[in-house]
Amino acid sequence: MRIAIPLSGKTLSSHFGHCEQFAFVEVDDQARQVKGVTFVQPPPHQPGLLPRWLHEQGVTTVIAGGMGPRAQQLLSELGIDVILGATGLHPEKLAADYLAGQLAIGENRCSH
């Protein structure tokens, strides 16, 4: 499992499509534990590009604060699970909480 988390600086971004970087969190599927985190610069923003790029990077799940409906649809079509309304700061903690079934989520903070 590989989880992608959009970031501004080193913390969760509320806008998926305009994030500064992604944290790619590698997960041990058997133990459901974080194995490591890599920070990656996304390609320049273009409508519809990020879902394809994330799929090419082997991402299986996206944890985001907010995301527009078109990006949600494209990710879903590519078989990528989308978790919206995440709150928190650090990608390792967000991923660990998700894996433990304890991720705090609220409303999708993006509508476009």
PDB file of N, CA and C in Angstrom:
ATOM      1  N   MET A   1       0.850  -1.176   0.000  1.00  0.00           N
ATOM      2  CA  MET A   1       0.000   0.000   0.000  1.00  0.00           C
ATOM      3  C   MET A   1       0.894   1.237   0.000  1.00  0.00           C
ATOM      4  N   ARG A   2       0.504   2.201  -0.794  1.00  0.00           N
ATOM      5  CA  ARG A   2       1.215   3.482  -0.825  1.00  0.00           C
ATOM      6  C   ARG A   2       0.160   4.583  -0.698  1.00  0.00           C
ATOM      7  N   ILE A   3       0.307   5.398   0.337  1.00  0.00           N
ATOM      8  CA  ILE A   3      -0.624   6.481   0.613  1.00  0.00           C
ATOM      9  C   ILE A   3       0.016   7.793   0.182  1.00  0.00           C
ATOM     10  N   ALA A   4      -0.750   8.622  -0.534  1.00  0.00           N
ATOM     11  CA  ALA A   4      -0.277   9.953  -0.914  1.00  0.00           C
ATOM     12  C   ALA A   4      -1.027  10.987  -0.082  1.00  0.00           C
ATOM     13  N   ILE A   5      -0.270  11.940   0.456  1.00  0.00           N
ATOM     14  CA  ILE A   5      -0.845  13.014   1.266  1.00  0.00           C
ATOM     15  C   ILE A   5      -0.331  14.340   0.711  1.00  0.00           C
ATOM     16  N   PRO A   6      -1.239  15.211   0.226  1.00  0.00           N
ATOM     17  CA  PRO A   6      -0.813  16.512  -0.303  1.00  0.00           C
ATOM     18  C   PRO A   6      -0.374  17.432   0.836  1.00  0.00           C
ATOM     19  N   LEU A   7       0.734  18.121   0.623  1.00  0.00           N
ATOM     20  CA  LEU A   7       1.301  18.959   1.673  1.00  0.00           C
ATOM     21  C   LEU A   7       1.548  20.387   1.216  1.00  0.00           C
ATOM     22  N   SER A   8       1.481  21.278   2.183  1.00  0.00           N
ATOM     23  CA  SER A   8       1.996  22.643   2.057  1.00  0.00           C
ATOM     24  C   SER A   8       3.049  22.746   3.148  1.00  0.00           C
ATOM     25  N   GLY A   9       4.283  22.928   2.742  1.00  0.00           N
ATOM     26  CA  GLY A   9       5.365  22.791   3.715  1.00  0.00           C
ATOM     27  C   GLY A   9       5.465  21.318   4.056  1.00  0.00           C
ATOM     28  N   LYS A  10       5.445  20.981   5.305  1.00  0.00           N
ATOM     29  CA  LYS A  10       5.499  19.575   5.726  1.00  0.00           C
ATOM     30  C   LYS A  10       4.200  19.138   6.401  1.00  0.00           C
ATOM     31  N   THR A  11       3.126  19.937   6.217  1.00  0.00           N
ATOM     32  CA  THR A  11       1.855  19.608   6.846  1.00  0.00           C
ATOM     33  C   THR A  11       0.742  19.490   5.802  1.00  0.00           C
ATOM     34  N   LEU A  12      -0.356  18.880   6.181  1.00  0.00           N
ATOM     35  CA  LEU A  12      -1.485  18.623   5.296  1.00  0.00           C
ATOM     36  C   LEU A  12      -1.978  19.899   4.621  1.00  0.00           C
ATOM     37  N   SER A  13      -2.135  19.831   3.310  1.00  0.00           N
ATOM     38  CA  SER A  13      -2.689  20.938   2.535  1.00  0.00           C
ATOM     39  C   SER A  13      -4.194  20.755   2.432  1.00  0.00           C
ATOM     40  N   SER A  14      -4.924  21.843   2.479  1.00  0.00           N
ATOM     41  CA  SER A  14      -6.381  21.741   2.339  1.00  0.00           C
ATOM     42  C   SER A  14      -6.804  21.722   0.876  1.00  0.00           C
ATOM     43  N   HIS A  15      -5.880  21.953  -0.050  1.00  0.00           N
ATOM     44  CA  HIS A  15      -6.208  21.982  -1.479  1.00  0.00           C
ATOM     45  C   HIS A  15      -5.347  20.985  -2.238  1.00  0.00           C
ATOM     46  N   PHE A  16      -5.905  19.829  -2.520  1.00  0.00           N
ATOM     47  CA  PHE A  16      -5.223  18.731  -3.202  1.00  0.00           C
ATOM     48  C   PHE A  16      -4.502  19.185  -4.473  1.00  0.00           C
ATOM     49  N   GLY A  17      -5.197  19.859  -5.364  1.00  0.00           N
ATOM     50  CA  GLY A  17      -4.656  20.204  -6.668  1.00  0.00           C
ATOM     51  C   GLY A  17      -3.610  21.294  -6.671  1.00  0.00           C
ATOM     52  N   HIS A  18      -3.459  21.994  -5.561  1.00  0.00           N
ATOM     53  CA  HIS A  18      -2.502  23.097  -5.507  1.00  0.00           C
ATOM     54  C   HIS A  18      -1.470  22.909  -4.393  1.00  0.00           C
ATOM     55  N   CYS A  19      -1.210  21.659  -4.049  1.00  0.00           N
ATOM     56  CA  CYS A  19      -0.246  21.400  -2.978  1.00  0.00           C
ATOM     57  C   CYS A  19       1.179  21.650  -3.469  1.00  0.00           C
ATOM     58  N   GLU A  20       2.085  21.861  -2.525  1.00  0.00           N
ATOM     59  CA  GLU A  20       3.490  22.097  -2.855  1.00  0.00           C
ATOM     60  C   GLU A  20       4.243  20.794  -3.102  1.00  0.00           C
ATOM     61  N   GLN A  21       3.858  19.752  -2.377  1.00  0.00           N
ATOM     62  CA  GLN A  21       4.506  18.458  -2.509  1.00  0.00           C
ATOM     63  C   GLN A  21       3.572  17.375  -1.990  1.00  0.00           C
ATOM     64  N   PHE A  22       3.961  16.136  -2.229  1.00  0.00           N
ATOM     65  CA  PHE A  22       3.228  14.993  -1.688  1.00  0.00           C
ATOM     66  C   PHE A  22       4.149  14.207  -0.781  1.00  0.00           C
ATOM     67  N   ALA A  23       3.577  13.687   0.283  1.00  0.00           N
ATOM     68  CA  ALA A  23       4.255  12.676   1.076  1.00  0.00           C
ATOM     69  C   ALA A  23       3.742  11.340   0.564  1.00  0.00           C
ATOM     70  N   PHE A  24       4.646  10.471   0.143  1.00  0.00           N
ATOM     71  CA  PHE A  24       4.291   9.108  -0.220  1.00  0.00           C
ATOM     72  C   PHE A  24       4.658   8.242   0.984  1.00  0.00           C
ATOM     73  N   VAL A  25       3.641   7.669   1.591  1.00  0.00           N
ATOM     74  CA  VAL A  25       3.825   6.866   2.792  1.00  0.00           C
ATOM     75  C   VAL A  25       3.759   5.395   2.391  1.00  0.00           C
ATOM     76  N   GLU A  26       4.861   4.710   2.613  1.00  0.00           N
ATOM     77  CA  GLU A  26       4.917   3.272   2.333  1.00  0.00           C
ATOM     78  C   GLU A  26       4.404   2.525   3.546  1.00  0.00           C
ATOM     79  N   VAL A  27       3.542   1.538   3.288  1.00  0.00           N
ATOM     80  CA  VAL A  27       2.885   0.814   4.371  1.00  0.00           C
ATOM     81  C   VAL A  27       3.189  -0.676   4.273  1.00  0.00           C
ATOM     82  N   ASP A  28       3.492  -1.280   5.410  1.00  0.00           N
ATOM     83  CA  ASP A  28       3.594  -2.730   5.517  1.00  0.00           C
ATOM     84  C   ASP A  28       2.165  -3.244   5.612  1.00  0.00           C
ATOM     85  N   ASP A  29       1.682  -3.875   4.536  1.00  0.00           N
ATOM     86  CA  ASP A  29       0.290  -4.316   4.488  1.00  0.00           C
ATOM     87  C   ASP A  29      -0.043  -5.342   5.580  1.00  0.00           C
ATOM     88  N   GLN A  30       0.871  -6.238   5.843  1.00  0.00           N
ATOM     89  CA  GLN A  30       0.630  -7.273   6.852  1.00  0.00           C
ATOM     90  C   GLN A  30       0.476  -6.688   8.248  1.00  0.00           C
ATOM     91  N   ALA A  31       1.421  -5.838   8.632  1.00  0.00           N
ATOM     92  CA  ALA A  31       1.417  -5.258   9.979  1.00  0.00           C
ATOM     93  C   ALA A  31       0.565  -3.995  10.062  1.00  0.00           C
ATOM     94  N   ARG A  32       0.175  -3.442   8.893  1.00  0.00           N
ATOM     95  CA  ARG A  32      -0.577  -2.180   8.835  1.00  0.00           C
ATOM     96  C   ARG A  32       0.161  -1.090   9.607  1.00  0.00           C
ATOM     97  N   GLN A  33       1.452  -0.962   9.266  1.00  0.00           N
ATOM     98  CA  GLN A  33       2.308   0.036   9.902  1.00  0.00           C
ATOM     99  C   GLN A  33       3.072   0.816   8.838  1.00  0.00           C
ATOM    100  N   VAL A  34       3.389   2.068   9.171  1.00  0.00           N
ATOM    101  CA  VAL A  34       4.176   2.918   8.284  1.00  0.00           C
ATOM    102  C   VAL A  34       5.606   2.397   8.233  1.00  0.00           C
ATOM    103  N   LYS A  35       6.102   2.181   7.007  1.00  0.00           N
ATOM    104  CA  LYS A  35       7.489   1.737   6.818  1.00  0.00           C
ATOM    105  C   LYS A  35       8.412   2.900   6.520  1.00  0.00           C
ATOM    106  N   GLY A  36       7.899   3.933   5.858  1.00  0.00           N
ATOM    107  CA  GLY A  36       8.738   5.062   5.506  1.00  0.00           C
ATOM    108  C   GLY A  36       7.947   6.115   4.758  1.00  0.00           C
ATOM    109  N   VAL A  37       8.540   7.306   4.664  1.00  0.00           N
ATOM    110  CA  VAL A  37       7.895   8.428   3.983  1.00  0.00           C
ATOM    111  C   VAL A  37       8.904   9.076   3.036  1.00  0.00           C
ATOM    112  N   THR A  38       8.438   9.364   1.819  1.00  0.00           N
ATOM    113  CA  THR A  38       9.232  10.071   0.827  1.00  0.00           C
ATOM    114  C   THR A  38       8.474  11.326   0.434  1.00  0.00           C
ATOM    115  N   PHE A  39       9.172  12.436   0.301  1.00  0.00           N
ATOM    116  CA  PHE A  39       8.545  13.696  -0.107  1.00  0.00           C
ATOM    117  C   PHE A  39       8.878  13.933  -1.574  1.00  0.00           C
ATOM    118  N   VAL A  40       7.819  14.180  -2.378  1.00  0.00           N
ATOM    119  CA  VAL A  40       7.973  14.263  -3.827  1.00  0.00           C
ATOM    120  C   VAL A  40       7.286  15.520  -4.360  1.00  0.00           C
ATOM    121  N   GLN A  41       7.968  16.203  -5.257  1.00  0.00           N
ATOM    122  CA  GLN A  41       7.422  17.382  -5.928  1.00  0.00           C
ATOM    123  C   GLN A  41       6.487  16.905  -7.035  1.00  0.00           C
ATOM    124  N   PRO A  42       5.231  17.372  -7.069  1.00  0.00           N
ATOM    125  CA  PRO A  42       4.330  16.962  -8.145  1.00  0.00           C
ATOM    126  C   PRO A  42       4.638  17.717  -9.435  1.00  0.00           C
ATOM    127  N   PRO A  43       4.124  17.226 -10.552  1.00  0.00           N
ATOM    128  CA  PRO A  43       4.280  17.985 -11.793  1.00  0.00           C
ATOM    129  C   PRO A  43       3.481  19.282 -11.709  1.00  0.00           C
ATOM    130  N   PRO A  44       3.758  20.252 -12.579  1.00  0.00           N
ATOM    131  CA  PRO A  44       2.998  21.505 -12.576  1.00  0.00           C
ATOM    132  C   PRO A  44       1.497  21.237 -12.721  1.00  0.00           C
ATOM    133  N   HIS A  45       0.695  22.054 -12.064  1.00  0.00           N
ATOM    134  CA  HIS A  45      -0.751  21.845 -12.039  1.00  0.00           C
ATOM    135  C   HIS A  45      -1.365  21.953 -13.428  1.00  0.00           C
ATOM    136  N   GLN A  46      -2.127  20.918 -13.767  1.00  0.00           N
ATOM    137  CA  GLN A  46      -2.965  20.893 -14.965  1.00  0.00           C
ATOM    138  C   GLN A  46      -4.197  20.088 -14.601  1.00  0.00           C
ATOM    139  N   PRO A  47      -5.369  20.503 -15.029  1.00  0.00           N
ATOM    140  CA  PRO A  47      -6.572  19.742 -14.717  1.00  0.00           C
ATOM    141  C   PRO A  47      -6.442  18.280 -15.156  1.00  0.00           C
ATOM    142  N   GLY A  48      -6.721  17.362 -14.239  1.00  0.00           N
ATOM    143  CA  GLY A  48      -6.706  15.931 -14.530  1.00  0.00           C
ATOM    144  C   GLY A  48      -5.357  15.258 -14.494  1.00  0.00           C
ATOM    145  N   LEU A  49      -4.277  16.002 -14.334  1.00  0.00           N
ATOM    146  CA  LEU A  49      -2.939  15.413 -14.377  1.00  0.00           C
ATOM    147  C   LEU A  49      -2.576  14.652 -13.101  1.00  0.00           C
ATOM    148  N   LEU A  50      -2.869  15.221 -11.941  1.00  0.00           N
ATOM    149  CA  LEU A  50      -2.443  14.591 -10.687  1.00  0.00           C
ATOM    150  C   LEU A  50      -2.988  13.178 -10.488  1.00  0.00           C
ATOM    151  N   PRO A  51      -4.247  12.896 -10.772  1.00  0.00           N
ATOM    152  CA  PRO A  51      -4.711  11.515 -10.594  1.00  0.00           C
ATOM    153  C   PRO A  51      -3.902  10.506 -11.426  1.00  0.00           C
ATOM    154  N   ARG A  52      -3.647  10.824 -12.688  1.00  0.00           N
ATOM    155  CA  ARG A  52      -2.857   9.907 -13.526  1.00  0.00           C
ATOM    156  C   ARG A  52      -1.437   9.760 -12.990  1.00  0.00           C
ATOM    157  N   TRP A  53      -0.842  10.880 -12.595  1.00  0.00           N
ATOM    158  CA  TRP A  53       0.521  10.853 -12.075  1.00  0.00           C
ATOM    159  C   TRP A  53       0.603  10.014 -10.804  1.00  0.00           C
ATOM    160  N   LEU A  54      -0.359  10.204  -9.896  1.00  0.00           N
ATOM    161  CA  LEU A  54      -0.366   9.420  -8.655  1.00  0.00           C
ATOM    162  C   LEU A  54      -0.523   7.929  -8.952  1.00  0.00           C
ATOM    163  N   HIS A  55      -1.367   7.600  -9.899  1.00  0.00           N
ATOM    164  CA  HIS A  55      -1.543   6.204 -10.295  1.00  0.00           C
ATOM    165  C   HIS A  55      -0.225   5.627 -10.813  1.00  0.00           C
ATOM    166  N   GLU A  56       0.475   6.399 -11.638  1.00  0.00           N
ATOM    167  CA  GLU A  56       1.775   5.962 -12.171  1.00  0.00           C
ATOM    168  C   GLU A  56       2.805   5.770 -11.058  1.00  0.00           C
ATOM    169  N   GLN A  57       2.648   6.489  -9.944  1.00  0.00           N
ATOM    170  CA  GLN A  57       3.576   6.384  -8.812  1.00  0.00           C
ATOM    171  C   GLN A  57       3.222   5.217  -7.893  1.00  0.00           C
ATOM    172  N   GLY A  58       2.165   4.486  -8.206  1.00  0.00           N
ATOM    173  CA  GLY A  58       1.779   3.322  -7.405  1.00  0.00           C
ATOM    174  C   GLY A  58       0.930   3.647  -6.190  1.00  0.00           C
ATOM    175  N   VAL A  59       0.340   4.826  -6.165  1.00  0.00           N
ATOM    176  CA  VAL A  59      -0.491   5.233  -5.033  1.00  0.00           C
ATOM    177  C   VAL A  59      -1.790   4.429  -5.034  1.00  0.00           C
ATOM    178  N   THR A  60      -2.180   3.953  -3.860  1.00  0.00           N
ATOM    179  CA  THR A  60      -3.427   3.196  -3.704  1.00  0.00           C
ATOM    180  C   THR A  60      -4.480   3.967  -2.918  1.00  0.00           C
ATOM    181  N   THR A  61      -4.036   4.952  -2.128  1.00  0.00           N
ATOM    182  CA  THR A  61      -4.938   5.732  -1.277  1.00  0.00           C
ATOM    183  C   THR A  61      -4.439   7.163  -1.214  1.00  0.00           C
ATOM    184  N   VAL A  62      -5.378   8.124  -1.236  1.00  0.00           N
ATOM    185  CA  VAL A  62      -5.053   9.529  -1.029  1.00  0.00           C
ATOM    186  C   VAL A  62      -5.797   9.995   0.213  1.00  0.00           C
ATOM    187  N   ILE A  63      -5.074  10.606   1.132  1.00  0.00           N
ATOM    188  CA  ILE A  63      -5.676  11.245   2.300  1.00  0.00           C
ATOM    189  C   ILE A  63      -5.522  12.742   2.090  1.00  0.00           C
ATOM    190  N   ALA A  64      -6.659  13.454   2.034  1.00  0.00           N
ATOM    191  CA  ALA A  64      -6.618  14.884   1.723  1.00  0.00           C
ATOM    192  C   ALA A  64      -7.558  15.665   2.616  1.00  0.00           C
ATOM    193  N   GLY A  65      -7.246  16.942   2.767  1.00  0.00           N
ATOM    194  CA  GLY A  65      -8.133  17.839   3.489  1.00  0.00           C
ATOM    195  C   GLY A  65      -9.309  18.236   2.623  1.00  0.00           C
ATOM    196  N   GLY A  66      -9.047  18.466   1.342  1.00  0.00           N
ATOM    197  CA  GLY A  66     -10.095  18.854   0.420  1.00  0.00           C
ATOM    198  C   GLY A  66      -9.725  18.523  -1.007  1.00  0.00           C
ATOM    199  N   MET A  67     -10.773  18.252  -1.810  1.00  0.00           N
ATOM    200  CA  MET A  67     -10.548  17.884  -3.202  1.00  0.00           C
ATOM    201  C   MET A  67     -11.844  18.119  -3.981  1.00  0.00           C
ATOM    202  N   GLY A  68     -11.694  18.623  -5.192  1.00  0.00           N
ATOM    203  CA  GLY A  68     -12.853  18.840  -6.047  1.00  0.00           C
ATOM    204  C   GLY A  68     -13.443  17.537  -6.563  1.00  0.00           C
ATOM    205  N   PRO A  69     -14.696  17.596  -7.022  1.00  0.00           N
ATOM    206  CA  PRO A  69     -15.383  16.378  -7.463  1.00  0.00           C
ATOM    207  C   PRO A  69     -14.746  15.706  -8.685  1.00  0.00           C
ATOM    208  N   ARG A  70     -14.183  16.472  -9.599  1.00  0.00           N
ATOM    209  CA  ARG A  70     -13.567  15.858 -10.790  1.00  0.00           C
ATOM    210  C   ARG A  70     -12.336  15.041 -10.409  1.00  0.00           C
ATOM    211  N   ALA A  71     -11.496  15.567  -9.537  1.00  0.00           N
ATOM    212  CA  ALA A  71     -10.322  14.812  -9.082  1.00  0.00           C
ATOM    213  C   ALA A  71     -10.758  13.553  -8.345  1.00  0.00           C
ATOM    214  N   GLN A  72     -11.791  13.653  -7.522  1.00  0.00           N
ATOM    215  CA  GLN A  72     -12.309  12.475  -6.817  1.00  0.00           C
ATOM    216  C   GLN A  72     -12.734  11.400  -7.814  1.00  0.00           C
ATOM    217  N   GLN A  73     -13.451  11.822  -8.847  1.00  0.00           N
ATOM    218  CA  GLN A  73     -13.936  10.889  -9.851  1.00  0.00           C
ATOM    219  C   GLN A  73     -12.771  10.218 -10.585  1.00  0.00           C
ATOM    220  N   LEU A  74     -11.791  11.008 -11.019  1.00  0.00           N
ATOM    221  CA  LEU A  74     -10.650  10.455 -11.746  1.00  0.00           C
ATOM    222  C   LEU A  74      -9.862   9.468 -10.896  1.00  0.00           C
ATOM    223  N   LEU A  75      -9.630   9.819  -9.637  1.00  0.00           N
ATOM    224  CA  LEU A  75      -8.905   8.912  -8.741  1.00  0.00           C
ATOM    225  C   LEU A  75      -9.675   7.608  -8.555  1.00  0.00           C
ATOM    226  N   SER A  76     -10.970   7.724  -8.344  1.00  0.00           N
ATOM    227  CA  SER A  76     -11.805   6.545  -8.165  1.00  0.00           C
ATOM    228  C   SER A  76     -11.764   5.650  -9.408  1.00  0.00           C
ATOM    229  N   GLU A  77     -11.842   6.249 -10.583  1.00  0.00           N
ATOM    230  CA  GLU A  77     -11.777   5.485 -11.831  1.00  0.00           C
ATOM    231  C   GLU A  77     -10.457   4.735 -11.975  1.00  0.00           C
ATOM    232  N   LEU A  78      -9.403   5.261 -11.377  1.00  0.00           N
ATOM    233  CA  LEU A  78      -8.082   4.623 -11.422  1.00  0.00           C
ATOM    234  C   LEU A  78      -7.877   3.617 -10.286  1.00  0.00           C
ATOM    235  N   GLY A  79      -8.911   3.416  -9.463  1.00  0.00           N
ATOM    236  CA  GLY A  79      -8.827   2.447  -8.375  1.00  0.00           C
ATOM    237  C   GLY A  79      -8.131   2.970  -7.135  1.00  0.00           C
ATOM    238  N   ILE A  80      -8.025   4.276  -7.011  1.00  0.00           N
ATOM    239  CA  ILE A  80      -7.372   4.886  -5.852  1.00  0.00           C
ATOM    240  C   ILE A  80      -8.442   5.313  -4.860  1.00  0.00           C
ATOM    241  N   ASP A  81      -8.332   4.834  -3.618  1.00  0.00           N
ATOM    242  CA  ASP A  81      -9.258   5.223  -2.558  1.00  0.00           C
ATOM    243  C   ASP A  81      -8.984   6.657  -2.138  1.00  0.00           C
ATOM    244  N   VAL A  82     -10.050   7.407  -1.880  1.00  0.00           N
ATOM    245  CA  VAL A  82      -9.928   8.810  -1.495  1.00  0.00           C
ATOM    246  C   VAL A  82     -10.561   9.008  -0.124  1.00  0.00           C
ATOM    247  N   ILE A  83      -9.777   9.545   0.809  1.00  0.00           N
ATOM    248  CA  ILE A  83     -10.242   9.882   2.146  1.00  0.00           C
ATOM    249  C   ILE A  83     -10.196  11.403   2.243  1.00  0.00           C
ATOM    250  N   LEU A  84     -11.364  12.033   2.411  1.00  0.00           N
ATOM    251  CA  LEU A  84     -11.448  13.495   2.428  1.00  0.00           C
ATOM    252  C   LEU A  84     -11.803  14.032   3.805  1.00  0.00           C
ATOM    253  N   GLY A  85     -11.469  15.297   4.010  1.00  0.00           N
ATOM    254  CA  GLY A  85     -11.803  15.973   5.255  1.00  0.00           C
ATOM    255  C   GLY A  85     -10.831  15.664   6.378  1.00  0.00           C
ATOM    256  N   ALA A  86      -9.648  15.155   6.013  1.00  0.00           N
ATOM    257  CA  ALA A  86      -8.646  14.847   7.037  1.00  0.00           C
ATOM    258  C   ALA A  86      -8.215  16.122   7.735  1.00  0.00           C
ATOM    259  N   THR A  87      -7.943  15.979   8.990  1.00  0.00           N
ATOM    260  CA  THR A  87      -7.403  17.086   9.772  1.00  0.00           C
ATOM    261  C   THR A  87      -6.177  16.567  10.497  1.00  0.00           C
ATOM    262  N   GLY A  88      -5.228  17.399  10.665  1.00  0.00           N
ATOM    263  CA  GLY A  88      -3.990  16.982  11.297  1.00  0.00           C
ATOM    264  C   GLY A  88      -2.836  17.648  10.598  1.00  0.00           C
ATOM    265  N   LEU A  89      -1.656  17.358  11.054  1.00  0.00           N
ATOM    266  CA  LEU A  89      -0.509  18.059  10.520  1.00  0.00           C
ATOM    267  C   LEU A  89       0.461  17.162   9.776  1.00  0.00           C
ATOM    268  N   HIS A  90       0.967  16.160  10.428  1.00  0.00           N
ATOM    269  CA  HIS A  90       2.100  15.414   9.903  1.00  0.00           C
ATOM    270  C   HIS A  90       1.663  14.149   9.164  1.00  0.00           C
ATOM    271  N   PRO A  91       2.228  13.903   7.984  1.00  0.00           N
ATOM    272  CA  PRO A  91       1.794  12.769   7.167  1.00  0.00           C
ATOM    273  C   PRO A  91       1.950  11.412   7.846  1.00  0.00           C
ATOM    274  N   GLU A  92       3.022  11.224   8.612  1.00  0.00           N
ATOM    275  CA  GLU A  92       3.208   9.938   9.287  1.00  0.00           C
ATOM    276  C   GLU A  92       2.072   9.667  10.263  1.00  0.00           C
ATOM    277  N   LYS A  93       1.662  10.692  10.993  1.00  0.00           N
ATOM    278  CA  LYS A  93       0.576  10.559  11.970  1.00  0.00           C
ATOM    279  C   LYS A  93      -0.755  10.332  11.260  1.00  0.00           C
ATOM    280  N   LEU A  94      -1.001  11.079  10.176  1.00  0.00           N
ATOM    281  CA  LEU A  94      -2.241  10.890   9.409  1.00  0.00           C
ATOM    282  C   LEU A  94      -2.342   9.456   8.899  1.00  0.00           C
ATOM    283  N   ALA A  95      -1.256   8.946   8.328  1.00  0.00           N
ATOM    284  CA  ALA A  95      -1.265   7.585   7.795  1.00  0.00           C
ATOM    285  C   ALA A  95      -1.433   6.555   8.913  1.00  0.00           C
ATOM    286  N   ALA A  96      -0.721   6.738  10.011  1.00  0.00           N
ATOM    287  CA  ALA A  96      -0.835   5.798  11.120  1.00  0.00           C
ATOM    288  C   ALA A  96      -2.251   5.793  11.692  1.00  0.00           C
ATOM    289  N   ASP A  97      -2.856   6.962  11.825  1.00  0.00           N
ATOM    290  CA  ASP A  97      -4.238   7.041  12.321  1.00  0.00           C
ATOM    291  C   ASP A  97      -5.196   6.361  11.347  1.00  0.00           C
ATOM    292  N   TYR A  98      -4.994   6.564  10.050  1.00  0.00           N
ATOM    293  CA  TYR A  98      -5.829   5.912   9.043  1.00  0.00           C
ATOM    294  C   TYR A  98      -5.719   4.397   9.159  1.00  0.00           C
ATOM    295  N   LEU A  99      -4.511   3.901   9.260  1.00  0.00           N
ATOM    296  CA  LEU A  99      -4.288   2.457   9.351  1.00  0.00           C
ATOM    297  C   LEU A  99      -4.895   1.854  10.617  1.00  0.00           C
ATOM    298  N   ALA A 100      -4.941   2.650  11.689  1.00  0.00           N
ATOM    299  CA  ALA A 100      -5.507   2.187  12.956  1.00  0.00           C
ATOM    300  C   ALA A 100      -7.027   2.406  13.028  1.00  0.00           C
ATOM    301  N   GLY A 101      -7.605   3.002  11.972  1.00  0.00           N
ATOM    302  CA  GLY A 101      -9.041   3.288  11.985  1.00  0.00           C
ATOM    303  C   GLY A 101      -9.409   4.439  12.894  1.00  0.00           C
ATOM    304  N   GLN A 102      -8.451   5.335  13.143  1.00  0.00           N
ATOM    305  CA  GLN A 102      -8.666   6.444  14.072  1.00  0.00           C
ATOM    306  C   GLN A 102      -8.468   7.817  13.425  1.00  0.00           C
ATOM    307  N   LEU A 103      -8.503   7.874  12.102  1.00  0.00           N
ATOM    308  CA  LEU A 103      -8.276   9.150  11.415  1.00  0.00           C
ATOM    309  C   LEU A 103      -9.470  10.071  11.622  1.00  0.00           C
ATOM    310  N   ALA A 104      -9.196  11.259  12.154  1.00  0.00           N
ATOM    311  CA  ALA A 104     -10.231  12.263  12.349  1.00  0.00           C
ATOM    312  C   ALA A 104     -10.521  12.944  11.017  1.00  0.00           C
ATOM    313  N   ILE A 105     -11.777  12.882  10.580  1.00  0.00           N
ATOM    314  CA  ILE A 105     -12.136  13.539   9.347  1.00  0.00           C
ATOM    315  C   ILE A 105     -13.320  14.457   9.571  1.00  0.00           C
ATOM    316  N   GLY A 106     -13.356  15.511   8.779  1.00  0.00           N
ATOM    317  CA  GLY A 106     -14.452  16.476   8.840  1.00  0.00           C
ATOM    318  C   GLY A 106     -14.999  16.655   7.445  1.00  0.00           C
ATOM    319  N   GLU A 107     -15.317  17.887   7.115  1.00  0.00           N
ATOM    320  CA  GLU A 107     -15.873  18.187   5.803  1.00  0.00           C
ATOM    321  C   GLU A 107     -14.777  18.362   4.765  1.00  0.00           C
ATOM    322  N   ASN A 108     -15.130  18.059   3.526  1.00  0.00           N
ATOM    323  CA  ASN A 108     -14.258  18.314   2.389  1.00  0.00           C
ATOM    324  C   ASN A 108     -14.042  19.829   2.324  1.00  0.00           C
ATOM    325  N   ARG A 109     -12.794  20.274   2.392  1.00  0.00           N
ATOM    326  CA  ARG A 109     -12.505  21.707   2.429  1.00  0.00           C
ATOM    327  C   ARG A 109     -12.230  22.307   1.061  1.00  0.00           C
ATOM    328  N   CYS A 110     -12.689  21.636   0.013  1.00  0.00           N
ATOM    329  CA  CYS A 110     -12.498  22.140  -1.342  1.00  0.00           C
ATOM    330  C   CYS A 110     -13.707  21.763  -2.170  1.00  0.00           C
ATOM    331  N   SER A 111     -14.202  22.692  -2.970  1.00  0.00           N
ATOM    332  CA  SER A 111     -15.374  22.386  -3.784  1.00  0.00           C
ATOM    333  C   SER A 111     -15.138  22.568  -5.279  1.00  0.00           C
ATOM    334  N   HIS A 112     -13.897  22.836  -5.671  1.00  0.00           N
ATOM    335  CA  HIS A 112     -13.646  23.036  -7.102  1.00  0.00           C
ATOM    336  C   HIS A 112     -12.608  22.064  -7.630  1.00  0.00           C
TER     337      HIS A 112
END
